[in-house]
């Protein structure tokens, strides 16, 4: 099977699997990450197939929606790629990216580590979709999905959480800006990612300023 057919099959698989998914982690999120990853790849020396497959499959089974199971996503991706006859080396690389790219895993100081230029590209693309206007929309969509408060002045954010405390957190949605979103600009890996993050980061700061003005009357 050629790469074009494989990518098309993967897109169809992801669309079908994510039917009815929470709006911040659905096919459209995946499609945006895929497109931005390809954009970033133009300026990086990477294996384009690995980047595209990892971008398409990175949220195929997000642990948040599967009782915290961190193996279901990588295992689902592996099973699909095996069914497509993909080379074992490519499969292992894609699965390693999916296992290690999430923000919460970066909080685990004792966990196993993995790094590659391909992961840096996909990670930047995913993090860019977590900030800016779409990042704000996704954050409040998920907060509503979990029935969380918009904001509570009596619950301060904790920007220094461990992986486990981050996973268990049910703090107000505004806190998520300080616990993750505003931290992402300085965690970008690629020059393209860093440039794209600047405007989106500023948009979030402007939003928060307006939010507090309206909250305080």
N, C-alpha and C. Protein backbone atom coordinates (compact mmCIF):
# COMPACT_ATOMS: atom_id res chain seq x y z
N UNK A 1 0.84 -1.20 0.00
CA UNK A 1 0.00 0.00 0.00
C UNK A 1 0.88 1.25 0.00
N UNK A 2 0.54 2.22 -0.85
CA UNK A 2 1.35 3.44 -0.86
C UNK A 2 0.92 4.37 0.28
N UNK A 3 1.76 5.37 0.53
CA UNK A 3 1.53 6.26 1.68
C UNK A 3 0.21 7.02 1.57
N UNK A 4 -0.13 7.45 0.37
CA UNK A 4 -1.36 8.22 0.19
C UNK A 4 -2.58 7.39 0.58
N UNK A 5 -2.61 6.14 0.15
CA UNK A 5 -3.73 5.25 0.48
C UNK A 5 -3.77 4.97 1.98
N UNK A 6 -2.60 4.80 2.58
CA UNK A 6 -2.54 4.54 4.02
C UNK A 6 -3.08 5.73 4.81
N UNK A 7 -2.70 6.93 4.41
CA UNK A 7 -3.19 8.12 5.11
C UNK A 7 -4.70 8.24 4.95
N UNK A 8 -5.20 7.96 3.75
CA UNK A 8 -6.64 8.04 3.52
C UNK A 8 -7.38 7.00 4.37
N UNK A 9 -6.85 5.79 4.45
CA UNK A 9 -7.46 4.75 5.28
C UNK A 9 -7.45 5.15 6.75
N UNK A 10 -6.35 5.77 7.18
CA UNK A 10 -6.23 6.19 8.57
C UNK A 10 -7.23 7.30 8.88
N UNK A 11 -7.37 8.24 7.98
CA UNK A 11 -8.35 9.30 8.17
C UNK A 11 -9.76 8.73 8.31
N UNK A 12 -10.10 7.79 7.46
CA UNK A 12 -11.43 7.17 7.52
C UNK A 12 -11.64 6.42 8.82
N UNK A 13 -10.61 5.72 9.27
CA UNK A 13 -10.67 4.97 10.53
C UNK A 13 -10.90 5.92 11.70
N UNK A 14 -10.16 7.03 11.72
CA UNK A 14 -10.29 7.98 12.83
C UNK A 14 -11.66 8.65 12.81
N UNK A 15 -12.12 9.06 11.65
CA UNK A 15 -13.45 9.67 11.54
C UNK A 15 -14.52 8.74 12.10
N UNK A 16 -14.45 7.48 11.73
CA UNK A 16 -15.46 6.51 12.18
C UNK A 16 -15.35 6.25 13.68
N UNK A 17 -14.12 6.11 14.17
CA UNK A 17 -13.90 5.80 15.59
C UNK A 17 -14.32 6.95 16.48
N UNK A 18 -14.12 8.18 16.04
CA UNK A 18 -14.41 9.34 16.88
C UNK A 18 -15.80 9.92 16.66
N UNK A 19 -16.67 9.20 15.97
CA UNK A 19 -18.05 9.67 15.83
C UNK A 19 -18.67 9.83 17.21
N UNK A 20 -19.25 11.01 17.47
CA UNK A 20 -19.89 11.25 18.76
C UNK A 20 -18.94 11.60 19.88
N UNK A 21 -17.66 11.81 19.57
CA UNK A 21 -16.68 12.16 20.61
C UNK A 21 -16.94 13.55 21.17
N UNK A 22 -16.46 13.80 22.37
CA UNK A 22 -16.52 15.14 22.98
C UNK A 22 -15.89 16.14 22.01
N UNK A 23 -16.53 17.33 21.90
CA UNK A 23 -16.20 18.27 20.84
C UNK A 23 -14.77 18.76 20.80
N UNK A 24 -14.06 18.71 21.91
CA UNK A 24 -12.67 19.17 21.91
C UNK A 24 -11.67 18.09 21.52
N UNK A 25 -12.17 16.85 21.40
CA UNK A 25 -11.27 15.73 21.09
C UNK A 25 -11.87 14.86 19.99
N UNK A 26 -12.51 15.51 19.03
CA UNK A 26 -13.20 14.81 17.95
C UNK A 26 -12.36 14.79 16.68
N UNK A 27 -12.99 14.38 15.56
CA UNK A 27 -12.27 14.34 14.30
C UNK A 27 -11.74 15.70 13.90
N UNK A 28 -12.50 16.76 14.15
CA UNK A 28 -12.06 18.08 13.72
C UNK A 28 -10.80 18.53 14.47
N UNK A 29 -10.70 18.17 15.75
CA UNK A 29 -9.45 18.42 16.48
C UNK A 29 -8.30 17.67 15.81
N UNK A 30 -8.53 16.41 15.52
CA UNK A 30 -7.49 15.60 14.88
C UNK A 30 -7.09 16.18 13.54
N UNK A 31 -8.07 16.62 12.77
CA UNK A 31 -7.79 17.18 11.45
C UNK A 31 -6.95 18.45 11.56
N UNK A 32 -7.26 19.30 12.55
CA UNK A 32 -6.46 20.52 12.74
C UNK A 32 -5.03 20.18 13.13
N UNK A 33 -4.86 19.22 14.02
CA UNK A 33 -3.51 18.81 14.43
C UNK A 33 -2.76 18.23 13.24
N UNK A 34 -3.42 17.44 12.45
CA UNK A 34 -2.82 16.85 11.24
C UNK A 34 -2.33 17.95 10.30
N UNK A 35 -3.17 18.94 10.05
CA UNK A 35 -2.81 20.01 9.12
C UNK A 35 -1.66 20.87 9.65
N UNK A 36 -1.69 21.19 10.93
CA UNK A 36 -0.62 22.02 11.50
C UNK A 36 0.68 21.21 11.58
N UNK A 37 0.58 19.93 11.88
CA UNK A 37 1.79 19.09 11.91
C UNK A 37 2.46 19.05 10.53
N UNK A 38 1.65 18.96 9.49
CA UNK A 38 2.22 18.98 8.14
C UNK A 38 2.85 20.33 7.82
N UNK A 39 2.23 21.40 8.30
CA UNK A 39 2.80 22.74 8.12
C UNK A 39 4.16 22.86 8.80
N UNK A 40 4.22 22.44 10.05
CA UNK A 40 5.48 22.51 10.81
C UNK A 40 6.54 21.63 10.16
N UNK A 41 6.13 20.48 9.63
CA UNK A 41 7.07 19.52 9.04
C UNK A 41 7.86 20.10 7.87
N UNK A 42 7.27 21.09 7.21
CA UNK A 42 7.94 21.68 6.06
C UNK A 42 9.28 22.31 6.44
N UNK A 43 9.41 22.68 7.71
CA UNK A 43 10.64 23.33 8.18
C UNK A 43 11.50 22.42 9.05
N UNK A 44 11.16 21.13 9.08
CA UNK A 44 11.88 20.19 9.94
C UNK A 44 12.33 18.97 9.13
N UNK A 45 13.43 18.39 9.53
CA UNK A 45 13.94 17.18 8.89
C UNK A 45 13.32 15.97 9.59
N UNK A 46 12.15 15.54 9.09
CA UNK A 46 11.41 14.47 9.75
C UNK A 46 10.88 13.46 8.74
N UNK A 47 10.46 12.31 9.26
CA UNK A 47 9.78 11.31 8.45
C UNK A 47 8.32 11.74 8.36
N UNK A 48 7.91 12.18 7.19
CA UNK A 48 6.57 12.75 7.02
C UNK A 48 5.48 11.73 7.30
N UNK A 49 5.71 10.47 6.97
CA UNK A 49 4.69 9.45 7.20
C UNK A 49 4.47 9.24 8.69
N UNK A 50 5.54 9.18 9.45
CA UNK A 50 5.42 9.02 10.91
C UNK A 50 4.66 10.19 11.51
N UNK A 51 5.00 11.40 11.09
CA UNK A 51 4.32 12.59 11.60
C UNK A 51 2.83 12.53 11.30
N UNK A 52 2.49 12.21 10.06
CA UNK A 52 1.07 12.21 9.67
C UNK A 52 0.28 11.12 10.40
N UNK A 53 0.85 9.94 10.51
CA UNK A 53 0.15 8.85 11.20
C UNK A 53 -0.01 9.16 12.69
N UNK A 54 1.03 9.69 13.31
CA UNK A 54 0.95 10.01 14.74
C UNK A 54 -0.06 11.12 14.99
N UNK A 55 -0.08 12.12 14.11
CA UNK A 55 -1.04 13.21 14.27
C UNK A 55 -2.47 12.69 14.14
N UNK A 56 -2.70 11.81 13.19
CA UNK A 56 -4.04 11.28 12.98
C UNK A 56 -4.50 10.35 14.11
N UNK A 57 -3.57 9.62 14.70
CA UNK A 57 -3.94 8.61 15.69
C UNK A 57 -3.69 9.03 17.14
N UNK A 58 -3.22 10.26 17.35
CA UNK A 58 -2.78 10.63 18.70
C UNK A 58 -3.91 10.64 19.72
N UNK A 59 -5.15 10.89 19.30
CA UNK A 59 -6.28 10.92 20.22
C UNK A 59 -7.32 9.86 19.88
N UNK A 60 -6.88 8.76 19.31
CA UNK A 60 -7.82 7.73 18.87
C UNK A 60 -8.58 7.12 20.04
N UNK A 61 -7.99 7.16 21.22
CA UNK A 61 -8.66 6.69 22.44
C UNK A 61 -8.04 7.41 23.63
N UNK A 62 -8.43 8.66 23.83
CA UNK A 62 -7.87 9.49 24.90
C UNK A 62 -8.20 8.87 26.26
N UNK A 63 -7.20 8.71 27.14
CA UNK A 63 -7.44 8.11 28.45
C UNK A 63 -8.54 8.81 29.25
N UNK A 64 -8.71 10.12 29.05
CA UNK A 64 -9.74 10.86 29.79
C UNK A 64 -11.13 10.27 29.61
N UNK A 65 -11.35 9.65 28.45
CA UNK A 65 -12.66 9.12 28.13
C UNK A 65 -12.72 7.60 28.22
N UNK A 66 -11.65 7.01 28.79
CA UNK A 66 -11.57 5.55 28.93
C UNK A 66 -11.05 5.17 30.31
N UNK A 67 -11.64 5.81 31.33
CA UNK A 67 -11.32 5.49 32.73
C UNK A 67 -9.83 5.61 33.04
N UNK A 68 -9.16 6.54 32.36
CA UNK A 68 -7.74 6.78 32.65
C UNK A 68 -6.79 5.74 32.07
N UNK A 69 -7.28 4.84 31.25
CA UNK A 69 -6.45 3.79 30.67
C UNK A 69 -5.49 4.40 29.65
N UNK A 70 -4.20 4.41 29.98
CA UNK A 70 -3.20 5.04 29.12
C UNK A 70 -2.66 4.09 28.05
N UNK A 71 -3.13 2.86 28.06
CA UNK A 71 -2.66 1.89 27.06
C UNK A 71 -3.62 1.73 25.89
N UNK A 72 -4.89 2.11 26.09
CA UNK A 72 -5.89 1.84 25.06
C UNK A 72 -5.60 2.61 23.77
N UNK A 73 -5.14 3.85 23.89
CA UNK A 73 -4.82 4.63 22.69
C UNK A 73 -3.68 4.03 21.89
N UNK A 74 -2.51 3.82 22.51
CA UNK A 74 -1.41 3.20 21.78
C UNK A 74 -1.76 1.82 21.23
N UNK A 75 -2.52 1.03 22.00
CA UNK A 75 -2.88 -0.31 21.54
C UNK A 75 -3.84 -0.26 20.36
N UNK A 76 -4.78 0.69 20.39
CA UNK A 76 -5.72 0.84 19.28
C UNK A 76 -4.98 1.27 18.02
N UNK A 77 -4.06 2.22 18.18
CA UNK A 77 -3.27 2.68 17.03
C UNK A 77 -2.43 1.54 16.46
N UNK A 78 -1.79 0.78 17.36
CA UNK A 78 -0.95 -0.34 16.90
C UNK A 78 -1.80 -1.36 16.13
N UNK A 79 -2.96 -1.71 16.68
CA UNK A 79 -3.80 -2.70 16.03
C UNK A 79 -4.22 -2.27 14.64
N UNK A 80 -4.56 -0.98 14.50
CA UNK A 80 -4.96 -0.48 13.19
C UNK A 80 -3.79 -0.53 12.22
N UNK A 81 -2.63 -0.06 12.64
CA UNK A 81 -1.47 -0.01 11.74
C UNK A 81 -1.02 -1.41 11.33
N UNK A 82 -1.10 -2.35 12.25
CA UNK A 82 -0.78 -3.74 11.90
C UNK A 82 -1.74 -4.24 10.83
N UNK A 83 -3.02 -3.90 10.97
CA UNK A 83 -4.03 -4.34 10.00
C UNK A 83 -3.79 -3.76 8.61
N UNK A 84 -3.04 -2.66 8.56
CA UNK A 84 -2.73 -2.02 7.28
C UNK A 84 -1.39 -2.47 6.70
N UNK A 85 -0.73 -3.38 7.40
CA UNK A 85 0.54 -3.90 6.91
C UNK A 85 1.68 -2.91 6.98
N UNK A 86 1.62 -1.98 7.93
CA UNK A 86 2.66 -0.96 8.07
C UNK A 86 3.93 -1.58 8.66
N UNK A 87 5.06 -1.10 8.23
CA UNK A 87 6.36 -1.58 8.69
C UNK A 87 6.47 -1.46 10.21
N UNK A 88 7.05 -2.48 10.85
CA UNK A 88 7.14 -2.52 12.32
C UNK A 88 7.88 -1.31 12.89
N UNK A 89 8.89 -0.84 12.19
CA UNK A 89 9.65 0.31 12.67
C UNK A 89 8.78 1.56 12.72
N UNK A 90 7.98 1.76 11.69
CA UNK A 90 7.06 2.90 11.65
C UNK A 90 6.03 2.77 12.76
N UNK A 91 5.47 1.58 12.93
CA UNK A 91 4.46 1.36 13.97
C UNK A 91 5.03 1.69 15.34
N UNK A 92 6.21 1.18 15.64
CA UNK A 92 6.81 1.41 16.96
C UNK A 92 7.04 2.89 17.21
N UNK A 93 7.47 3.62 16.19
CA UNK A 93 7.73 5.05 16.33
C UNK A 93 6.42 5.80 16.60
N UNK A 94 5.40 5.49 15.82
CA UNK A 94 4.11 6.15 15.99
C UNK A 94 3.54 5.87 17.39
N UNK A 95 3.60 4.63 17.81
CA UNK A 95 3.07 4.25 19.13
C UNK A 95 3.85 4.94 20.25
N UNK A 96 5.17 5.04 20.11
CA UNK A 96 5.98 5.73 21.12
C UNK A 96 5.58 7.21 21.21
N UNK A 97 5.31 7.83 20.09
CA UNK A 97 4.87 9.23 20.10
C UNK A 97 3.55 9.36 20.85
N UNK A 98 2.59 8.51 20.54
CA UNK A 98 1.28 8.57 21.18
C UNK A 98 1.41 8.35 22.69
N UNK A 99 2.29 7.45 23.09
CA UNK A 99 2.47 7.14 24.51
C UNK A 99 3.04 8.32 25.29
N UNK A 100 3.89 9.10 24.66
CA UNK A 100 4.71 10.06 25.42
C UNK A 100 4.41 11.53 25.18
N UNK A 101 3.55 11.89 24.24
CA UNK A 101 3.45 13.29 23.83
C UNK A 101 2.53 14.15 24.69
N UNK A 102 1.71 13.56 25.55
CA UNK A 102 0.71 14.35 26.27
C UNK A 102 1.35 15.28 27.32
N UNK A 103 0.64 16.34 27.61
CA UNK A 103 1.10 17.30 28.62
C UNK A 103 1.23 16.64 29.98
N UNK A 104 0.27 15.81 30.36
CA UNK A 104 0.31 15.19 31.69
C UNK A 104 1.55 14.32 31.86
N UNK A 105 2.00 13.67 30.77
CA UNK A 105 3.19 12.83 30.89
C UNK A 105 4.45 13.66 31.12
N UNK A 106 4.42 14.92 30.69
CA UNK A 106 5.57 15.79 30.95
C UNK A 106 5.68 16.16 32.41
N UNK A 107 4.60 15.93 33.17
CA UNK A 107 4.60 16.23 34.60
C UNK A 107 5.16 15.08 35.43
N UNK A 108 5.33 13.92 34.81
CA UNK A 108 5.82 12.73 35.51
C UNK A 108 7.34 12.70 35.45
N UNK A 109 7.95 13.14 36.53
CA UNK A 109 9.41 13.26 36.55
C UNK A 109 10.11 11.91 36.63
N UNK A 110 9.37 10.86 36.99
CA UNK A 110 9.98 9.54 37.15
C UNK A 110 9.56 8.56 36.06
N UNK A 111 8.78 9.04 35.10
CA UNK A 111 8.31 8.15 34.04
C UNK A 111 9.36 7.91 32.98
N UNK A 112 9.10 6.90 32.13
CA UNK A 112 10.04 6.65 31.04
C UNK A 112 9.91 7.77 30.01
N UNK A 113 10.97 8.00 29.30
CA UNK A 113 11.01 9.13 28.38
C UNK A 113 11.25 8.64 26.95
N UNK A 114 10.82 9.45 26.03
CA UNK A 114 11.04 9.18 24.61
C UNK A 114 11.07 10.53 23.91
N UNK A 115 11.91 10.64 22.90
CA UNK A 115 11.96 11.89 22.15
C UNK A 115 12.38 11.60 20.71
N UNK A 116 11.79 12.36 19.80
CA UNK A 116 12.20 12.32 18.40
C UNK A 116 11.74 13.61 17.76
N UNK A 117 12.33 13.96 16.65
CA UNK A 117 11.92 15.17 15.95
C UNK A 117 10.47 15.07 15.51
N UNK A 118 10.06 13.85 15.13
CA UNK A 118 8.67 13.65 14.72
C UNK A 118 7.72 13.91 15.88
N UNK A 119 8.08 13.45 17.08
CA UNK A 119 7.23 13.71 18.23
C UNK A 119 7.17 15.20 18.54
N UNK A 120 8.28 15.89 18.41
CA UNK A 120 8.30 17.33 18.65
C UNK A 120 7.31 18.06 17.74
N UNK A 121 7.25 17.63 16.49
CA UNK A 121 6.35 18.27 15.53
C UNK A 121 4.89 18.02 15.91
N UNK A 122 4.55 16.76 16.16
CA UNK A 122 3.16 16.42 16.49
C UNK A 122 2.75 17.03 17.83
N UNK A 123 3.67 17.02 18.78
CA UNK A 123 3.39 17.62 20.09
C UNK A 123 3.12 19.11 19.96
N UNK A 124 3.91 19.80 19.17
CA UNK A 124 3.67 21.24 18.95
C UNK A 124 2.31 21.47 18.30
N UNK A 125 1.98 20.67 17.31
CA UNK A 125 0.70 20.83 16.62
C UNK A 125 -0.47 20.61 17.58
N UNK A 126 -0.35 19.61 18.41
CA UNK A 126 -1.40 19.31 19.39
C UNK A 126 -1.51 20.43 20.43
N UNK A 127 -0.38 20.92 20.88
CA UNK A 127 -0.39 21.99 21.88
C UNK A 127 -0.89 23.31 21.30
N UNK A 128 -0.62 23.55 20.05
CA UNK A 128 -1.15 24.76 19.42
C UNK A 128 -2.68 24.73 19.37
N UNK A 129 -3.25 23.54 19.23
CA UNK A 129 -4.71 23.45 19.20
C UNK A 129 -5.31 23.59 20.59
N UNK A 130 -4.45 23.59 21.62
CA UNK A 130 -4.92 23.77 22.99
C UNK A 130 -4.90 25.23 23.44
N UNK A 131 -4.37 26.11 22.59
CA UNK A 131 -4.28 27.52 22.97
C UNK A 131 -4.94 28.39 21.91
N UNK A 132 -5.03 29.70 22.19
CA UNK A 132 -5.69 30.60 21.25
C UNK A 132 -7.20 30.47 21.32
N UNK A 133 -7.89 30.97 20.30
CA UNK A 133 -9.35 30.98 20.27
C UNK A 133 -9.92 29.57 20.34
N UNK A 134 -9.37 28.65 19.57
CA UNK A 134 -9.87 27.29 19.58
C UNK A 134 -9.54 26.62 20.90
N UNK A 135 -8.37 26.91 21.44
CA UNK A 135 -8.02 26.36 22.75
C UNK A 135 -9.01 26.79 23.82
N UNK A 136 -9.40 28.05 23.79
CA UNK A 136 -10.39 28.56 24.75
C UNK A 136 -11.71 27.82 24.57
N UNK A 137 -12.16 27.69 23.32
CA UNK A 137 -13.42 27.00 23.05
C UNK A 137 -13.37 25.55 23.52
N UNK A 138 -12.27 24.88 23.26
CA UNK A 138 -12.13 23.48 23.67
C UNK A 138 -12.13 23.35 25.18
N UNK A 139 -11.47 24.28 25.85
CA UNK A 139 -11.37 24.23 27.30
C UNK A 139 -12.74 24.35 27.96
N UNK A 140 -13.54 25.30 27.49
CA UNK A 140 -14.86 25.47 28.08
C UNK A 140 -15.82 24.36 27.65
N UNK A 141 -15.61 23.82 26.46
CA UNK A 141 -16.42 22.69 26.03
C UNK A 141 -16.20 21.50 26.97
N UNK A 142 -14.93 21.23 27.27
CA UNK A 142 -14.61 20.09 28.16
C UNK A 142 -15.08 20.37 29.58
N UNK A 143 -14.92 21.62 30.03
CA UNK A 143 -15.40 21.98 31.36
C UNK A 143 -16.90 21.75 31.49
N UNK A 144 -17.65 22.12 30.45
CA UNK A 144 -19.09 21.87 30.45
C UNK A 144 -19.40 20.38 30.41
N UNK A 145 -18.63 19.65 29.62
CA UNK A 145 -18.78 18.19 29.53
C UNK A 145 -18.62 17.53 30.90
N UNK A 146 -17.70 18.08 31.71
CA UNK A 146 -17.43 17.54 33.06
C UNK A 146 -18.22 18.27 34.14
N UNK A 147 -19.09 19.20 33.74
CA UNK A 147 -19.93 19.96 34.67
C UNK A 147 -19.11 20.71 35.71
N UNK A 148 -18.05 21.36 35.27
CA UNK A 148 -17.19 22.11 36.18
C UNK A 148 -17.61 23.58 36.24
N UNK A 149 -17.28 24.22 37.36
CA UNK A 149 -17.53 25.65 37.48
C UNK A 149 -16.72 26.40 36.42
N UNK A 150 -17.26 27.52 35.93
CA UNK A 150 -16.48 28.37 35.04
C UNK A 150 -15.27 28.93 35.79
N UNK A 151 -15.54 29.47 36.96
CA UNK A 151 -14.51 30.16 37.74
C UNK A 151 -14.97 30.21 39.18
N UNK A 152 -14.05 30.07 40.09
CA UNK A 152 -14.35 30.22 41.51
C UNK A 152 -13.16 30.92 42.15
N UNK A 153 -13.32 32.20 42.55
CA UNK A 153 -12.20 32.96 43.12
C UNK A 153 -11.61 32.32 44.37
N UNK A 154 -12.38 31.41 44.99
CA UNK A 154 -11.91 30.78 46.23
C UNK A 154 -11.12 29.49 45.97
N UNK A 155 -10.99 29.13 44.70
CA UNK A 155 -10.21 27.93 44.35
C UNK A 155 -9.04 28.36 43.48
N UNK A 156 -7.88 28.60 44.08
CA UNK A 156 -6.73 29.09 43.30
C UNK A 156 -6.15 27.99 42.41
N UNK A 157 -5.62 28.36 41.25
CA UNK A 157 -4.98 27.37 40.38
C UNK A 157 -3.69 26.85 40.98
N UNK A 158 -3.30 25.65 40.55
CA UNK A 158 -2.04 25.04 41.00
C UNK A 158 -1.20 24.71 39.78
N UNK A 159 -0.28 25.59 39.40
CA UNK A 159 0.50 25.36 38.18
C UNK A 159 1.66 24.38 38.36
N UNK A 160 1.77 23.77 39.55
CA UNK A 160 2.90 22.87 39.82
C UNK A 160 2.42 21.48 40.22
N UNK A 161 1.39 21.00 39.54
CA UNK A 161 0.83 19.70 39.87
C UNK A 161 1.70 18.55 39.38
N UNK A 162 1.59 17.42 40.09
CA UNK A 162 2.17 16.18 39.61
C UNK A 162 1.24 15.58 38.55
N UNK A 163 1.71 14.55 37.88
CA UNK A 163 0.87 13.89 36.87
C UNK A 163 -0.42 13.37 37.50
N UNK A 164 -0.32 12.73 38.66
CA UNK A 164 -1.50 12.14 39.28
C UNK A 164 -2.49 13.19 39.75
N UNK A 165 -1.99 14.27 40.34
CA UNK A 165 -2.91 15.32 40.80
C UNK A 165 -3.55 16.03 39.61
N UNK A 166 -2.82 16.15 38.50
CA UNK A 166 -3.38 16.75 37.29
C UNK A 166 -4.52 15.89 36.76
N UNK A 167 -4.31 14.58 36.73
CA UNK A 167 -5.33 13.66 36.22
C UNK A 167 -6.59 13.69 37.08
N UNK A 168 -6.43 13.90 38.38
CA UNK A 168 -7.57 13.85 39.30
C UNK A 168 -8.24 15.21 39.49
N UNK A 169 -7.65 16.25 38.97
CA UNK A 169 -8.16 17.60 39.21
C UNK A 169 -9.56 17.80 38.62
N UNK A 170 -10.41 18.48 39.37
CA UNK A 170 -11.73 18.88 38.87
C UNK A 170 -11.97 20.35 39.16
N UNK A 171 -10.88 21.12 39.11
CA UNK A 171 -10.94 22.54 39.43
C UNK A 171 -11.69 23.32 38.35
N UNK A 172 -12.10 24.56 38.65
CA UNK A 172 -12.84 25.38 37.68
C UNK A 172 -12.08 25.54 36.36
N UNK A 173 -12.81 25.76 35.30
CA UNK A 173 -12.22 25.80 33.97
C UNK A 173 -11.16 26.90 33.83
N UNK A 174 -11.39 28.06 34.42
CA UNK A 174 -10.41 29.14 34.33
C UNK A 174 -9.05 28.71 34.89
N UNK A 175 -9.06 27.86 35.90
CA UNK A 175 -7.79 27.40 36.48
C UNK A 175 -6.93 26.68 35.45
N UNK A 176 -7.57 26.03 34.49
CA UNK A 176 -6.84 25.25 33.49
C UNK A 176 -5.92 26.14 32.66
N UNK A 177 -6.27 27.41 32.52
CA UNK A 177 -5.38 28.33 31.80
C UNK A 177 -4.02 28.42 32.49
N UNK A 178 -4.04 28.49 33.81
CA UNK A 178 -2.81 28.66 34.58
C UNK A 178 -2.10 27.34 34.84
N UNK A 179 -2.86 26.26 34.82
CA UNK A 179 -2.29 24.94 35.10
C UNK A 179 -1.75 24.25 33.86
N UNK A 180 -2.15 24.76 32.68
CA UNK A 180 -1.64 24.17 31.43
C UNK A 180 -1.49 25.17 30.30
N UNK A 181 -2.59 25.81 29.90
CA UNK A 181 -2.61 26.53 28.62
C UNK A 181 -1.58 27.64 28.52
N UNK A 182 -1.44 28.43 29.58
CA UNK A 182 -0.49 29.56 29.54
C UNK A 182 0.97 29.09 29.66
N UNK A 183 1.15 27.82 29.98
CA UNK A 183 2.50 27.26 30.10
C UNK A 183 3.02 26.73 28.75
N UNK A 184 2.11 26.53 27.80
CA UNK A 184 2.49 25.82 26.58
C UNK A 184 3.38 26.62 25.64
N UNK A 185 3.22 27.94 25.63
CA UNK A 185 4.05 28.77 24.73
C UNK A 185 5.53 28.49 24.94
N UNK A 186 5.94 28.35 26.17
CA UNK A 186 7.36 28.14 26.48
C UNK A 186 7.78 26.68 26.41
N UNK A 187 6.85 25.81 26.03
CA UNK A 187 7.18 24.39 25.90
C UNK A 187 7.21 23.94 24.44
N UNK A 188 7.06 24.89 23.51
CA UNK A 188 7.12 24.53 22.09
C UNK A 188 8.52 24.05 21.72
N UNK A 189 8.58 23.08 20.83
CA UNK A 189 9.85 22.47 20.45
C UNK A 189 10.47 23.09 19.21
N UNK A 190 9.65 23.43 18.23
CA UNK A 190 10.14 23.87 16.92
C UNK A 190 10.04 25.38 16.77
N UNK A 191 10.82 25.94 15.88
CA UNK A 191 10.75 27.39 15.65
C UNK A 191 9.40 27.79 15.10
N UNK A 192 8.83 26.98 14.22
CA UNK A 192 7.50 27.28 13.69
C UNK A 192 6.47 27.25 14.80
N UNK A 193 6.55 26.25 15.66
CA UNK A 193 5.63 26.15 16.78
C UNK A 193 5.72 27.35 17.70
N UNK A 194 6.94 27.79 17.96
CA UNK A 194 7.14 28.95 18.84
C UNK A 194 6.53 30.21 18.23
N UNK A 195 6.69 30.37 16.93
CA UNK A 195 6.14 31.56 16.27
C UNK A 195 4.62 31.53 16.29
N UNK A 196 4.03 30.40 15.97
CA UNK A 196 2.58 30.29 15.94
C UNK A 196 1.98 30.45 17.32
N UNK A 197 2.72 30.05 18.35
CA UNK A 197 2.19 30.11 19.72
C UNK A 197 2.08 31.53 20.24
N UNK A 198 2.89 32.45 19.74
CA UNK A 198 2.92 33.81 20.28
C UNK A 198 1.55 34.49 20.21
N UNK A 199 0.96 34.50 19.03
CA UNK A 199 -0.32 35.19 18.84
C UNK A 199 -1.42 34.51 19.65
N UNK A 200 -1.41 33.18 19.65
CA UNK A 200 -2.45 32.45 20.37
C UNK A 200 -2.33 32.68 21.88
N UNK A 201 -1.11 32.74 22.37
CA UNK A 201 -0.89 33.01 23.79
C UNK A 201 -1.42 34.39 24.17
N UNK A 202 -1.12 35.38 23.36
CA UNK A 202 -1.58 36.73 23.64
C UNK A 202 -3.10 36.80 23.61
N UNK A 203 -3.73 36.06 22.71
CA UNK A 203 -5.19 36.05 22.63
C UNK A 203 -5.79 35.54 23.95
N UNK A 204 -5.16 34.53 24.54
CA UNK A 204 -5.65 34.01 25.82
C UNK A 204 -5.50 35.04 26.94
N UNK A 205 -4.38 35.75 26.95
CA UNK A 205 -4.18 36.80 27.96
C UNK A 205 -5.25 37.88 27.82
N UNK A 206 -5.54 38.27 26.60
CA UNK A 206 -6.57 39.29 26.35
C UNK A 206 -7.94 38.78 26.80
N UNK A 207 -8.22 37.52 26.52
CA UNK A 207 -9.48 36.94 26.93
C UNK A 207 -9.62 36.95 28.45
N UNK A 208 -8.57 36.55 29.15
CA UNK A 208 -8.64 36.50 30.61
C UNK A 208 -8.83 37.89 31.20
N UNK A 209 -8.17 38.88 30.64
CA UNK A 209 -8.35 40.25 31.11
C UNK A 209 -9.81 40.68 30.97
N UNK A 210 -10.41 40.39 29.82
CA UNK A 210 -11.81 40.74 29.60
C UNK A 210 -12.73 39.92 30.52
N UNK A 211 -12.40 38.65 30.70
CA UNK A 211 -13.21 37.79 31.56
C UNK A 211 -13.30 38.37 32.98
N UNK A 212 -12.15 38.75 33.53
CA UNK A 212 -12.14 39.27 34.91
C UNK A 212 -12.85 40.61 35.00
N UNK A 213 -12.75 41.43 33.97
CA UNK A 213 -13.48 42.71 33.96
C UNK A 213 -14.98 42.47 34.06
N UNK A 214 -15.46 41.52 33.27
CA UNK A 214 -16.90 41.23 33.27
C UNK A 214 -17.31 40.52 34.56
N UNK A 215 -16.46 39.66 35.06
CA UNK A 215 -16.78 38.94 36.30
C UNK A 215 -16.92 39.92 37.48
N UNK A 216 -16.05 40.90 37.50
CA UNK A 216 -16.04 41.85 38.62
C UNK A 216 -16.97 43.04 38.41
N UNK A 217 -17.67 43.06 37.26
CA UNK A 217 -18.65 44.12 37.02
C UNK A 217 -18.02 45.48 36.76
